[in-house]
Amino acid sequence: MPTYDYHCPENQQTLTVQHGMKESIRTWGELCTRTQTEPGKTPLDASVERVISGGIALPIASPIPQLPMSGCCGNPSSCGHGH
């Protein structure tokens, strides 16, 4: 199941929750219920926004070294089969 971050502008808190792709959370109360977080003084009907992230950062692999052009036998100028 995907993981999403939701931010509450009213209290400046961001919480992480897992839910299906078609689901969304709209209020601080819903978010607190799903994450088992105490709502504190923030009204339960305060709106939350899903944070758009850049996804998973993967290290960039080093470039593949370029090999010299070669014929079918590895000879750079021709295959050497006497064609």
N, C-alpha and C. Protein backbone atom coordinates (compact mmCIF):
# COMPACT_ATOMS: atom_id res chain seq x y z
N MET A 1 0.84 -1.17 0.00
CA MET A 1 0.00 0.00 0.00
C MET A 1 0.89 1.24 0.00
N PRO A 2 0.56 2.26 -0.81
CA PRO A 2 1.41 3.45 -0.90
C PRO A 2 1.40 4.27 0.40
N THR A 3 2.47 5.00 0.61
CA THR A 3 2.62 5.88 1.76
C THR A 3 2.51 7.32 1.29
N TYR A 4 1.77 8.14 2.03
CA TYR A 4 1.57 9.54 1.68
C TYR A 4 1.84 10.42 2.88
N ASP A 5 2.32 11.65 2.61
CA ASP A 5 2.50 12.67 3.64
C ASP A 5 1.37 13.68 3.48
N TYR A 6 0.78 14.07 4.61
CA TYR A 6 -0.25 15.11 4.63
C TYR A 6 0.20 16.22 5.56
N HIS A 7 -0.02 17.47 5.11
CA HIS A 7 0.39 18.64 5.88
C HIS A 7 -0.85 19.42 6.31
N CYS A 8 -0.86 19.84 7.56
CA CYS A 8 -1.94 20.67 8.07
C CYS A 8 -1.43 22.11 8.18
N PRO A 9 -1.92 23.03 7.33
CA PRO A 9 -1.47 24.42 7.40
C PRO A 9 -1.79 25.10 8.73
N GLU A 10 -2.84 24.65 9.40
CA GLU A 10 -3.24 25.29 10.65
C GLU A 10 -2.23 25.07 11.77
N ASN A 11 -1.65 23.86 11.85
CA ASN A 11 -0.69 23.59 12.93
C ASN A 11 0.73 23.32 12.42
N GLN A 12 0.91 23.40 11.10
CA GLN A 12 2.22 23.21 10.47
C GLN A 12 2.82 21.82 10.71
N GLN A 13 1.97 20.82 10.96
CA GLN A 13 2.46 19.45 11.15
C GLN A 13 2.24 18.65 9.88
N THR A 14 3.18 17.73 9.64
CA THR A 14 3.08 16.81 8.51
C THR A 14 3.15 15.40 9.06
N LEU A 15 2.16 14.58 8.68
CA LEU A 15 2.10 13.19 9.15
C LEU A 15 2.10 12.25 7.96
N THR A 16 2.61 11.06 8.17
CA THR A 16 2.70 10.04 7.12
C THR A 16 1.68 8.95 7.40
N VAL A 17 0.99 8.53 6.33
CA VAL A 17 -0.05 7.51 6.46
C VAL A 17 -0.05 6.63 5.22
N GLN A 18 -0.47 5.38 5.39
CA GLN A 18 -0.62 4.47 4.26
C GLN A 18 -2.10 4.34 3.93
N HIS A 19 -2.41 4.40 2.62
CA HIS A 19 -3.78 4.14 2.19
C HIS A 19 -3.77 3.85 0.70
N GLY A 20 -4.88 3.35 0.20
CA GLY A 20 -5.00 3.02 -1.22
C GLY A 20 -4.87 4.25 -2.10
N MET A 21 -4.54 4.03 -3.35
CA MET A 21 -4.31 5.13 -4.29
C MET A 21 -5.57 5.96 -4.54
N LYS A 22 -6.73 5.35 -4.45
CA LYS A 22 -7.98 6.07 -4.72
C LYS A 22 -8.53 6.78 -3.49
N GLU A 23 -7.93 6.55 -2.34
CA GLU A 23 -8.38 7.20 -1.10
C GLU A 23 -7.70 8.55 -0.95
N SER A 24 -8.32 9.42 -0.17
CA SER A 24 -7.67 10.66 0.22
C SER A 24 -8.17 11.06 1.59
N ILE A 25 -7.38 11.83 2.27
CA ILE A 25 -7.73 12.31 3.61
C ILE A 25 -7.89 13.81 3.50
N ARG A 26 -8.98 14.34 4.07
CA ARG A 26 -9.30 15.75 3.88
C ARG A 26 -9.19 16.60 5.15
N THR A 27 -9.29 15.97 6.32
CA THR A 27 -9.29 16.76 7.56
C THR A 27 -8.24 16.25 8.55
N TRP A 28 -7.90 17.13 9.48
CA TRP A 28 -6.95 16.79 10.54
C TRP A 28 -7.49 15.64 11.39
N GLY A 29 -8.79 15.62 11.63
CA GLY A 29 -9.39 14.55 12.41
C GLY A 29 -9.25 13.19 11.74
N GLU A 30 -9.50 13.14 10.42
CA GLU A 30 -9.32 11.89 9.67
C GLU A 30 -7.87 11.43 9.74
N LEU A 31 -6.96 12.38 9.55
CA LEU A 31 -5.52 12.06 9.56
C LEU A 31 -5.08 11.55 10.92
N CYS A 32 -5.54 12.19 11.98
CA CYS A 32 -5.16 11.75 13.33
C CYS A 32 -5.72 10.36 13.62
N THR A 33 -6.94 10.10 13.18
CA THR A 33 -7.52 8.77 13.38
C THR A 33 -6.71 7.71 12.67
N ARG A 34 -6.34 7.97 11.41
CA ARG A 34 -5.60 6.99 10.62
C ARG A 34 -4.19 6.76 11.13
N THR A 35 -3.57 7.79 11.71
CA THR A 35 -2.18 7.67 12.18
C THR A 35 -2.10 7.44 13.69
N GLN A 36 -3.25 7.36 14.35
CA GLN A 36 -3.31 7.18 15.80
C GLN A 36 -2.51 8.27 16.52
N THR A 37 -2.76 9.52 16.07
CA THR A 37 -2.09 10.69 16.63
C THR A 37 -3.11 11.52 17.40
N GLU A 38 -2.71 12.05 18.56
CA GLU A 38 -3.58 12.94 19.31
C GLU A 38 -3.73 14.25 18.53
N PRO A 39 -4.94 14.75 18.35
CA PRO A 39 -5.14 15.96 17.55
C PRO A 39 -4.66 17.25 18.21
N GLY A 40 -4.47 17.21 19.52
CA GLY A 40 -4.03 18.42 20.21
C GLY A 40 -5.11 19.48 20.15
N LYS A 41 -4.71 20.75 20.02
CA LYS A 41 -5.66 21.86 20.02
C LYS A 41 -6.18 22.18 18.62
N THR A 42 -5.70 21.48 17.61
CA THR A 42 -6.13 21.74 16.24
C THR A 42 -7.54 21.21 16.04
N PRO A 43 -8.44 22.01 15.48
CA PRO A 43 -9.81 21.54 15.22
C PRO A 43 -9.81 20.30 14.32
N LEU A 44 -10.68 19.36 14.61
CA LEU A 44 -10.74 18.13 13.83
C LEU A 44 -11.13 18.37 12.38
N ASP A 45 -11.84 19.48 12.11
CA ASP A 45 -12.27 19.77 10.75
C ASP A 45 -11.27 20.64 9.97
N ALA A 46 -10.09 20.89 10.57
CA ALA A 46 -9.05 21.66 9.85
C ALA A 46 -8.62 20.87 8.62
N SER A 47 -8.44 21.57 7.52
CA SER A 47 -8.09 20.88 6.27
C SER A 47 -6.63 20.44 6.27
N VAL A 48 -6.37 19.37 5.54
CA VAL A 48 -5.00 18.89 5.31
C VAL A 48 -4.79 18.77 3.81
N GLU A 49 -3.53 18.85 3.42
CA GLU A 49 -3.15 18.78 2.01
C GLU A 49 -2.15 17.66 1.83
N ARG A 50 -2.33 16.86 0.78
CA ARG A 50 -1.35 15.82 0.50
C ARG A 50 -0.11 16.49 -0.07
N VAL A 51 1.03 16.12 0.47
CA VAL A 51 2.31 16.67 0.05
C VAL A 51 2.79 15.88 -1.17
N ILE A 52 3.10 16.60 -2.22
CA ILE A 52 3.62 15.95 -3.42
C ILE A 52 5.12 15.85 -3.27
N SER A 53 5.61 14.62 -3.33
CA SER A 53 7.06 14.41 -3.18
C SER A 53 7.65 14.04 -4.53
N GLY A 54 8.95 14.08 -4.59
CA GLY A 54 9.65 13.74 -5.82
C GLY A 54 9.84 12.26 -6.00
N GLY A 55 9.31 11.46 -5.14
CA GLY A 55 9.49 10.02 -5.26
C GLY A 55 10.76 9.56 -4.60
N ILE A 56 11.13 8.38 -4.90
CA ILE A 56 12.31 7.77 -4.30
C ILE A 56 13.55 8.21 -5.07
N ALA A 57 14.52 8.70 -4.34
CA ALA A 57 15.77 9.11 -4.97
C ALA A 57 16.69 7.90 -5.08
N LEU A 58 17.10 7.61 -6.27
CA LEU A 58 18.02 6.50 -6.49
C LEU A 58 19.36 7.04 -6.93
N PRO A 59 20.45 6.41 -6.50
CA PRO A 59 21.75 6.89 -6.95
C PRO A 59 21.90 6.68 -8.45
N ILE A 60 22.59 7.61 -9.07
CA ILE A 60 22.82 7.51 -10.51
C ILE A 60 24.04 6.63 -10.73
N ALA A 61 23.86 5.61 -11.53
CA ALA A 61 24.97 4.69 -11.81
C ALA A 61 26.00 5.40 -12.69
N SER A 62 27.25 4.95 -12.57
CA SER A 62 28.28 5.53 -13.41
C SER A 62 28.00 5.13 -14.86
N PRO A 63 28.40 5.98 -15.80
CA PRO A 63 28.10 5.68 -17.20
C PRO A 63 28.77 4.38 -17.66
N ILE A 64 28.13 3.71 -18.57
CA ILE A 64 28.70 2.49 -19.14
C ILE A 64 29.83 2.88 -20.08
N PRO A 65 31.01 2.28 -19.92
CA PRO A 65 32.12 2.66 -20.79
C PRO A 65 31.80 2.29 -22.24
N GLN A 66 32.18 3.17 -23.14
CA GLN A 66 31.95 2.93 -24.56
C GLN A 66 33.02 1.99 -25.09
N LEU A 67 32.58 0.96 -25.79
CA LEU A 67 33.50 0.02 -26.40
C LEU A 67 33.77 0.45 -27.83
N PRO A 68 34.98 0.16 -28.34
CA PRO A 68 35.26 0.54 -29.73
C PRO A 68 34.37 -0.24 -30.69
N MET A 69 34.07 0.36 -31.81
CA MET A 69 33.28 -0.31 -32.84
C MET A 69 34.07 -1.52 -33.32
N SER A 70 33.37 -2.61 -33.51
CA SER A 70 34.08 -3.80 -33.97
C SER A 70 33.19 -4.59 -34.91
N GLY A 71 33.84 -5.39 -35.75
CA GLY A 71 33.12 -6.27 -36.64
C GLY A 71 32.69 -7.51 -35.88
N CYS A 72 32.22 -8.51 -36.59
CA CYS A 72 31.67 -9.68 -35.94
C CYS A 72 32.72 -10.50 -35.19
N CYS A 73 34.00 -10.38 -35.53
CA CYS A 73 35.05 -11.15 -34.86
C CYS A 73 35.82 -10.32 -33.84
N GLY A 74 35.39 -9.09 -33.62
CA GLY A 74 36.09 -8.23 -32.68
C GLY A 74 37.18 -7.40 -33.34
N ASN A 75 37.39 -7.57 -34.63
CA ASN A 75 38.38 -6.79 -35.36
C ASN A 75 37.75 -5.43 -35.68
N PRO A 76 38.37 -4.34 -35.26
CA PRO A 76 37.78 -3.03 -35.48
C PRO A 76 37.52 -2.67 -36.94
N SER A 77 38.28 -3.18 -37.88
CA SER A 77 38.09 -2.76 -39.25
C SER A 77 37.19 -3.69 -40.06
N SER A 78 37.19 -4.96 -39.75
CA SER A 78 36.32 -5.89 -40.48
C SER A 78 36.20 -7.17 -39.67
N CYS A 79 35.38 -8.08 -40.13
CA CYS A 79 35.21 -9.31 -39.37
C CYS A 79 36.33 -10.30 -39.63
N GLY A 80 37.04 -10.20 -40.74
CA GLY A 80 38.17 -11.09 -41.00
C GLY A 80 37.80 -12.46 -41.51
N HIS A 81 36.57 -12.68 -41.84
CA HIS A 81 36.16 -13.97 -42.36
C HIS A 81 36.35 -14.08 -43.86
N GLY A 82 36.93 -13.09 -44.45
CA GLY A 82 37.19 -13.14 -45.88
C GLY A 82 35.96 -12.89 -46.74
N HIS A 83 35.01 -12.10 -46.24
CA HIS A 83 33.83 -11.79 -47.02
C HIS A 83 34.15 -10.90 -48.17
